[in-house]
């Protein structure tokens, strides 16, 4: 019997964002839309809006010292 998919917590999503940032540490800027797509492909049941997820991505990236491309409208 297949396991039931669970809705990710904000902590799960934040960890995925941090993993993405760590994997791209050599890149001085990050694209909010690229990270958004990566998170949504990992967590298809993510219930955050694009705006909420973009805000979480931006806050995490700024805390980690990344420059940000605010391209959220491209989603």
C-alpha atoms as a PDB file:
ATOM      1  CA  UNK A   1       0.000   0.000   0.000  1.00  0.00           C
ATOM      2  CA  UNK A   2       1.516   3.386  -0.982  1.00  0.00           C
ATOM      3  CA  UNK A   3       2.242   5.911   1.746  1.00  0.00           C
ATOM      4  CA  UNK A   4      -0.040   8.911   1.963  1.00  0.00           C
ATOM      5  CA  UNK A   5       1.543  12.186   0.920  1.00  0.00           C
ATOM      6  CA  UNK A   6       1.758  14.723   3.711  1.00  0.00           C
ATOM      7  CA  UNK A   7       1.582  18.469   3.489  1.00  0.00           C
ATOM      8  CA  UNK A   8       5.045  19.865   4.267  1.00  0.00           C
ATOM      9  CA  UNK A   9       5.560  22.145   7.239  1.00  0.00           C
ATOM     10  CA  UNK A  10       7.136  25.586   6.924  1.00  0.00           C
ATOM     11  CA  UNK A  11      10.228  24.079   8.540  1.00  0.00           C
ATOM     12  CA  UNK A  12      10.421  21.432   5.781  1.00  0.00           C
ATOM     13  CA  UNK A  13      10.126  24.132   3.136  1.00  0.00           C
ATOM     14  CA  UNK A  14      12.742  26.330   4.812  1.00  0.00           C
ATOM     15  CA  UNK A  15      15.145  23.346   4.898  1.00  0.00           C
ATOM     16  CA  UNK A  16      14.593  22.770   1.171  1.00  0.00           C
ATOM     17  CA  UNK A  17      15.346  26.441   0.488  1.00  0.00           C
ATOM     18  CA  UNK A  18      18.531  26.300   2.568  1.00  0.00           C
ATOM     19  CA  UNK A  19      19.604  23.112   0.750  1.00  0.00           C
ATOM     20  CA  UNK A  20      19.068  24.883  -2.577  1.00  0.00           C
ATOM     21  CA  UNK A  21      21.136  27.848  -1.388  1.00  0.00           C
ATOM     22  CA  UNK A  22      23.934  25.573  -0.163  1.00  0.00           C
ATOM     23  CA  UNK A  23      23.947  23.717  -3.495  1.00  0.00           C
ATOM     24  CA  UNK A  24      24.272  27.073  -5.301  1.00  0.00           C
ATOM     25  CA  UNK A  25      26.702  28.795  -2.945  1.00  0.00           C
ATOM     26  CA  UNK A  26      29.035  29.604  -5.862  1.00  0.00           C
ATOM     27  CA  UNK A  27      26.341  31.715  -7.497  1.00  0.00           C
ATOM     28  CA  UNK A  28      26.262  35.283  -6.156  1.00  0.00           C
ATOM     29  CA  UNK A  29      22.573  35.817  -6.975  1.00  0.00           C
ATOM     30  CA  UNK A  30      19.554  33.583  -6.804  1.00  0.00           C
ATOM     31  CA  UNK A  31      16.316  33.745  -8.720  1.00  0.00           C
ATOM     32  CA  UNK A  32      13.189  33.596  -6.595  1.00  0.00           C
ATOM     33  CA  UNK A  33      11.279  31.906  -9.418  1.00  0.00           C
ATOM     34  CA  UNK A  34      13.961  29.203  -9.833  1.00  0.00           C
ATOM     35  CA  UNK A  35      13.974  28.417  -6.119  1.00  0.00           C
ATOM     36  CA  UNK A  36      10.169  28.515  -6.117  1.00  0.00           C
ATOM     37  CA  UNK A  37      10.050  25.916  -8.918  1.00  0.00           C
ATOM     38  CA  UNK A  38      12.613  23.727  -7.138  1.00  0.00           C
ATOM     39  CA  UNK A  39      10.677  23.821  -3.866  1.00  0.00           C
ATOM     40  CA  UNK A  40       7.341  23.132  -5.562  1.00  0.00           C
ATOM     41  CA  UNK A  41       8.827  20.187  -7.473  1.00  0.00           C
ATOM     42  CA  UNK A  42      10.029  18.739  -4.167  1.00  0.00           C
ATOM     43  CA  UNK A  43       6.848  19.567  -2.252  1.00  0.00           C
ATOM     44  CA  UNK A  44       3.940  19.370  -4.662  1.00  0.00           C
ATOM     45  CA  UNK A  45       1.518  19.724  -1.731  1.00  0.00           C
ATOM     46  CA  UNK A  46       3.041  23.015  -0.545  1.00  0.00           C
ATOM     47  CA  UNK A  47       0.123  25.199   0.504  1.00  0.00           C
ATOM     48  CA  UNK A  48       2.011  28.501   0.598  1.00  0.00           C
ATOM     49  CA  UNK A  49       1.046  31.023  -2.047  1.00  0.00           C
ATOM     50  CA  UNK A  50       3.719  32.119  -4.524  1.00  0.00           C
ATOM     51  CA  UNK A  51       3.912  35.408  -2.623  1.00  0.00           C
ATOM     52  CA  UNK A  52       4.413  33.671   0.754  1.00  0.00           C
ATOM     53  CA  UNK A  53       6.968  31.252  -0.663  1.00  0.00           C
ATOM     54  CA  UNK A  54       8.810  34.080  -2.418  1.00  0.00           C
ATOM     55  CA  UNK A  55       8.969  36.003   0.853  1.00  0.00           C
ATOM     56  CA  UNK A  56      10.375  32.960   2.662  1.00  0.00           C
ATOM     57  CA  UNK A  57      12.926  32.433  -0.116  1.00  0.00           C
ATOM     58  CA  UNK A  58      13.984  36.100  -0.059  1.00  0.00           C
ATOM     59  CA  UNK A  59      14.363  36.168   3.725  1.00  0.00           C
ATOM     60  CA  UNK A  60      16.406  32.966   3.720  1.00  0.00           C
ATOM     61  CA  UNK A  61      18.630  34.157   0.862  1.00  0.00           C
ATOM     62  CA  UNK A  62      19.261  37.549   2.448  1.00  0.00           C
ATOM     63  CA  UNK A  63      20.124  35.874   5.764  1.00  0.00           C
ATOM     64  CA  UNK A  64      22.629  33.697   3.878  1.00  0.00           C
ATOM     65  CA  UNK A  65      24.198  36.697   2.103  1.00  0.00           C
ATOM     66  CA  UNK A  66      22.830  36.126  -1.400  1.00  0.00           C
ATOM     67  CA  UNK A  67      21.742  38.844  -3.786  1.00  0.00           C
ATOM     68  CA  UNK A  68      18.230  38.264  -5.093  1.00  0.00           C
ATOM     69  CA  UNK A  69      16.574  38.503  -8.496  1.00  0.00           C
ATOM     70  CA  UNK A  70      13.014  39.558  -7.718  1.00  0.00           C
ATOM     71  CA  UNK A  71      11.486  37.800 -10.701  1.00  0.00           C
ATOM     72  CA  UNK A  72       8.419  36.423  -8.956  1.00  0.00           C
ATOM     73  CA  UNK A  73       6.149  37.739 -11.721  1.00  0.00           C
ATOM     74  CA  UNK A  74       7.697  35.173 -14.101  1.00  0.00           C
ATOM     75  CA  UNK A  75       5.969  32.307 -12.292  1.00  0.00           C
END
